Amino acid sequence: GGGNSAKLVITSGGLVGINTDSPTARLEIIESKCKSWIPTTQTELLVERNGNCMVSIVGSDNGNTVLNFGDASDENIGYIDYDHANDSMAFRVNASERARITSGGELLVGVVSGDSTYQTHIKHSTYGLLKLETSLTGADGAYLDLYHNSTSPADEDQLGSIGFKGKNSADEETTFARIQSRSSDVSDGTEDGYITFDTRSAGTFAERLRIQSTGDLNLGATGT
């Protein structure tokens, strides 16, 4: 009857529109219009809603839902893969997995499984693993803060630790040296802190140097 508008349109050029009379992509689905631009001719799928707009990929509880990025010679040279069995998400680039987010929120880069002690694990065959850069035009440079955000701060809390690790002859991961900071006094207005330098000698790991809150140095002892 008169007054009814088409819900599905296929143009002479092969464009398909759902809830639109004039699709501008190979498949255009419109719940309600909001955009003021026209998509490029390379756009194959366009979904539009004036408000929150979602696209869902649903699989079984123990399956994978995957968004593949292919080319002329490889169906999935890149992908985003959600594994519902262990609730992890993997990112594939150049036909290899490059990053993964585990169910616990750990970020793994260059490795598919990591030490749950760490929230981020980066592995690569080169020596340059992390670079922090600022383009700030002022005098300040890049900051790196180790922040112990405790709800119950106490004297002698560990604030941050930088470990230097390698493997021993038994193929065991071993800490050979460490720089560590602690708060010796957390009282408001009289806060104190110190830094220790530890090394391993003949298999024994011990503190070798301490810089006190006053700037005094303790060599080979932890005395105050």
Protein backbone atom coordinates (compact mmCIF):
# COMPACT_ATOMS: atom_id res chain seq x y z
CA GLY A 1 0.00 0.00 0.00
CA GLY A 2 1.00 3.66 -0.30
CA GLY A 3 3.30 5.27 2.23
CA ASN A 4 5.38 2.17 2.97
CA SER A 5 9.17 2.67 2.65
CA ALA A 6 11.54 -0.09 1.58
CA LYS A 7 13.51 -1.81 4.34
CA LEU A 8 15.88 -3.61 1.96
CA VAL A 9 17.28 -2.01 -1.19
CA ILE A 10 19.64 -3.45 -3.81
CA THR A 11 20.86 -0.83 -6.22
CA SER A 12 21.76 -1.38 -9.88
CA GLY A 13 25.41 -1.08 -8.82
CA GLY A 14 25.08 -3.99 -6.40
CA LEU A 15 25.00 -1.96 -3.18
CA VAL A 16 22.75 -3.31 -0.44
CA GLY A 17 20.99 -1.05 2.04
CA ILE A 18 19.00 -2.04 5.09
CA ASN A 19 16.70 0.70 6.35
CA THR A 20 18.13 3.11 3.75
CA ASP A 21 17.05 3.87 0.17
CA SER A 22 20.50 5.04 -0.93
CA PRO A 23 23.32 2.83 0.41
CA THR A 24 26.82 4.22 0.07
CA ALA A 25 28.72 1.02 0.92
CA ARG A 26 28.54 -2.55 -0.39
CA LEU A 27 26.37 -3.30 2.67
CA GLU A 28 25.00 -0.40 4.70
CA ILE A 29 22.85 -0.99 7.77
CA ILE A 30 21.20 2.02 9.38
CA GLU A 31 19.26 2.05 12.61
CA SER A 32 19.26 5.86 12.79
CA LYS A 33 21.37 8.39 10.94
CA CYS A 34 24.05 10.57 12.54
CA LYS A 35 26.98 10.92 10.11
CA SER A 36 27.47 13.99 7.89
CA TRP A 37 30.17 12.45 5.66
CA ILE A 38 30.18 10.04 2.75
CA PRO A 39 32.29 6.86 3.05
CA THR A 40 35.05 6.12 0.59
CA THR A 41 34.41 3.70 -2.26
CA GLN A 42 36.63 1.21 -0.42
CA THR A 43 34.06 0.81 2.38
CA GLU A 44 32.39 -2.60 2.12
CA LEU A 45 30.41 -2.58 5.37
CA LEU A 46 28.92 0.39 7.19
CA VAL A 47 26.77 0.14 10.31
CA GLU A 48 25.22 3.33 11.69
CA ARG A 49 23.18 4.23 14.74
CA ASN A 50 22.65 7.63 16.36
CA GLY A 51 23.85 6.56 19.80
CA ASN A 52 25.78 3.51 20.94
CA CYS A 53 26.44 1.18 18.04
CA MET A 54 27.68 -2.41 18.45
CA VAL A 55 28.71 -5.27 16.20
CA SER A 56 28.75 -8.70 17.91
CA ILE A 57 30.62 -11.88 16.99
CA VAL A 58 29.28 -14.78 19.06
CA GLY A 59 30.77 -18.24 19.51
CA SER A 60 30.46 -21.19 21.90
CA ASP A 61 31.79 -21.18 25.47
CA ASN A 62 34.84 -23.24 24.46
CA GLY A 63 35.29 -21.87 20.94
CA ASN A 64 37.10 -18.92 19.37
CA THR A 65 35.64 -15.81 17.79
CA VAL A 66 38.05 -14.40 15.22
CA LEU A 67 38.28 -11.32 13.04
CA ASN A 68 40.67 -12.16 10.19
CA PHE A 69 42.68 -9.71 8.11
CA GLY A 70 43.67 -11.39 4.86
CA ASP A 71 45.32 -10.54 1.58
CA ALA A 72 45.69 -12.13 -1.86
CA SER A 73 47.97 -14.90 -0.61
CA ASP A 74 46.96 -15.43 3.04
CA GLU A 75 43.50 -15.68 4.59
CA ASN A 76 44.63 -14.56 8.05
CA ILE A 77 48.04 -12.92 7.87
CA GLY A 78 46.60 -10.82 10.69
CA TYR A 79 43.77 -11.44 13.13
CA ILE A 80 42.17 -10.62 16.45
CA ASP A 81 41.29 -13.89 18.17
CA TYR A 82 39.24 -14.23 21.36
CA ASP A 83 39.60 -17.66 22.98
CA HIS A 84 36.47 -18.31 25.05
CA ALA A 85 37.97 -21.42 26.67
CA ASN A 86 40.55 -19.38 28.59
CA ASP A 87 39.19 -15.85 28.00
CA SER A 88 42.32 -14.51 26.33
CA MET A 89 42.65 -12.27 23.28
CA ALA A 90 45.48 -12.72 20.78
CA PHE A 91 46.72 -10.32 18.09
CA ARG A 92 48.40 -11.77 14.98
CA VAL A 93 50.63 -9.70 12.69
CA ASN A 94 52.59 -10.95 9.65
CA ALA A 95 51.35 -14.53 10.19
CA SER A 96 52.58 -14.78 13.81
CA GLU A 97 51.04 -13.95 17.16
CA ARG A 98 52.66 -10.76 18.46
CA ALA A 99 50.59 -9.87 21.54
CA ARG A 100 48.12 -11.46 23.93
CA ILE A 101 45.94 -10.25 26.79
CA THR A 102 45.20 -13.00 29.32
CA SER A 103 42.03 -13.44 31.34
CA GLY A 104 43.83 -11.86 34.30
CA GLY A 105 44.71 -8.73 32.30
CA GLU A 106 48.38 -9.57 31.74
CA LEU A 107 49.85 -8.15 28.54
CA LEU A 108 52.19 -10.52 26.72
CA VAL A 109 54.22 -9.18 23.80
CA GLY A 110 56.29 -11.61 21.76
CA VAL A 111 55.39 -14.54 24.04
CA VAL A 112 52.19 -16.62 24.33
CA SER A 113 52.52 -17.44 28.03
CA GLY A 114 54.22 -15.54 30.83
CA ASP A 115 54.96 -15.34 34.52
CA SER A 116 51.76 -14.38 36.35
CA THR A 117 53.92 -12.37 38.78
CA TYR A 118 54.11 -9.67 36.11
CA GLN A 119 51.27 -7.79 34.42
CA THR A 120 53.42 -7.11 31.33
CA HIS A 121 55.93 -9.44 29.68
CA ILE A 122 57.84 -8.29 26.58
CA LYS A 123 60.13 -10.68 24.70
CA HIS A 124 62.14 -10.09 21.54
CA SER A 125 65.43 -11.22 20.03
CA THR A 126 66.82 -7.68 20.01
CA TYR A 127 68.24 -5.69 22.95
CA GLY A 128 65.94 -2.67 22.58
CA LEU A 129 62.67 -3.62 24.30
CA LEU A 130 61.22 -0.42 25.70
CA LYS A 131 61.59 3.24 24.82
CA LEU A 132 59.78 6.10 26.56
CA GLU A 133 59.76 9.36 24.62
CA THR A 134 58.24 12.77 25.22
CA SER A 135 57.83 15.54 22.65
CA LEU A 136 57.32 18.14 25.39
CA THR A 137 58.87 21.48 24.39
CA GLY A 138 59.63 22.45 27.99
CA ALA A 139 62.65 21.59 30.10
CA ASP A 140 61.23 18.38 31.57
CA GLY A 141 62.09 14.99 30.12
CA ALA A 142 60.30 11.64 30.23
CA TYR A 143 59.24 10.41 33.69
CA LEU A 144 59.15 6.83 34.92
CA ASP A 145 57.53 6.42 38.35
CA LEU A 146 57.34 3.25 40.45
CA TYR A 147 54.35 3.94 42.70
CA HIS A 148 53.27 1.72 45.59
CA ASN A 149 49.67 2.86 45.99
CA SER A 150 48.95 1.22 49.34
CA THR A 151 45.78 1.80 51.36
CA SER A 152 47.78 1.17 54.55
CA PRO A 153 51.30 2.55 54.04
CA ALA A 154 53.82 1.49 56.67
CA ASP A 155 57.47 1.98 57.50
CA GLU A 156 59.78 -0.32 55.53
CA ASP A 157 57.27 -0.81 52.72
CA GLN A 158 58.95 -1.72 49.46
CA LEU A 159 58.29 1.10 46.99
CA GLY A 160 59.91 -0.26 43.85
CA SER A 161 62.44 -2.78 42.69
CA ILE A 162 64.55 -3.14 39.53
CA GLY A 163 66.02 -6.61 39.13
CA PHE A 164 68.81 -7.73 36.81
CA LYS A 165 68.21 -11.34 35.85
CA GLY A 166 69.77 -14.06 33.75
CA LYS A 167 70.12 -17.82 33.74
CA ASN A 168 72.58 -19.90 35.73
CA SER A 169 74.28 -23.07 34.47
CA ALA A 170 71.22 -25.09 35.53
CA ASP A 171 69.02 -23.05 33.17
CA GLU A 172 67.28 -21.40 36.13
CA GLU A 173 66.10 -17.79 36.07
CA THR A 174 68.30 -16.01 38.60
CA THR A 175 68.45 -12.48 39.99
CA PHE A 176 72.11 -11.41 39.95
CA ALA A 177 71.63 -7.80 41.09
CA ARG A 178 68.85 -5.47 42.23
CA ILE A 179 68.12 -1.83 43.04
CA GLN A 180 65.35 -1.36 45.58
CA SER A 181 63.70 1.51 47.42
CA ARG A 182 61.84 1.45 50.75
CA SER A 183 60.04 3.97 52.93
CA SER A 184 61.71 4.15 56.35
CA ASP A 185 59.14 6.62 57.71
CA VAL A 186 55.69 7.26 56.23
CA SER A 187 54.59 9.82 58.83
CA ASP A 188 53.09 12.89 57.17
CA GLY A 189 55.62 15.71 57.24
CA THR A 190 58.61 13.58 58.28
CA GLU A 191 58.71 11.06 55.42
CA ASP A 192 62.01 9.23 54.88
CA GLY A 193 63.15 6.75 52.27
CA TYR A 194 66.28 4.92 51.21
CA ILE A 195 67.72 2.96 48.28
CA THR A 196 69.65 -0.32 48.44
CA PHE A 197 71.91 -1.98 45.89
CA ASP A 198 72.10 -5.79 46.10
CA THR A 199 74.34 -8.29 44.30
CA ARG A 200 74.83 -12.04 44.26
CA SER A 201 78.25 -13.39 45.23
CA ALA A 202 79.13 -17.10 45.34
CA GLY A 203 75.43 -17.89 45.14
CA THR A 204 74.44 -15.61 48.02
CA PHE A 205 72.28 -12.56 47.40
CA ALA A 206 72.85 -9.64 49.78
CA GLU A 207 72.72 -5.88 50.16
CA ARG A 208 76.06 -4.21 49.31
CA LEU A 209 75.27 -0.50 49.36
CA ARG A 210 72.59 1.67 50.94
CA ILE A 211 71.88 5.36 50.42
CA GLN A 212 70.11 6.62 53.53
CA SER A 213 67.42 9.31 53.53
CA THR A 214 70.09 11.74 54.74
CA GLY A 215 72.36 10.94 51.81
CA ASP A 216 74.79 8.93 53.96
CA LEU A 217 76.27 5.79 52.36
CA ASN A 218 76.50 2.39 54.03
CA LEU A 219 78.92 0.03 52.28
CA GLY A 220 78.59 -3.70 52.81
CA ALA A 221 76.17 -3.29 55.73
CA THR A 222 72.58 -2.30 56.39
CA GLY A 223 73.27 -0.25 59.50
CA THR A 224 71.63 3.07 60.13
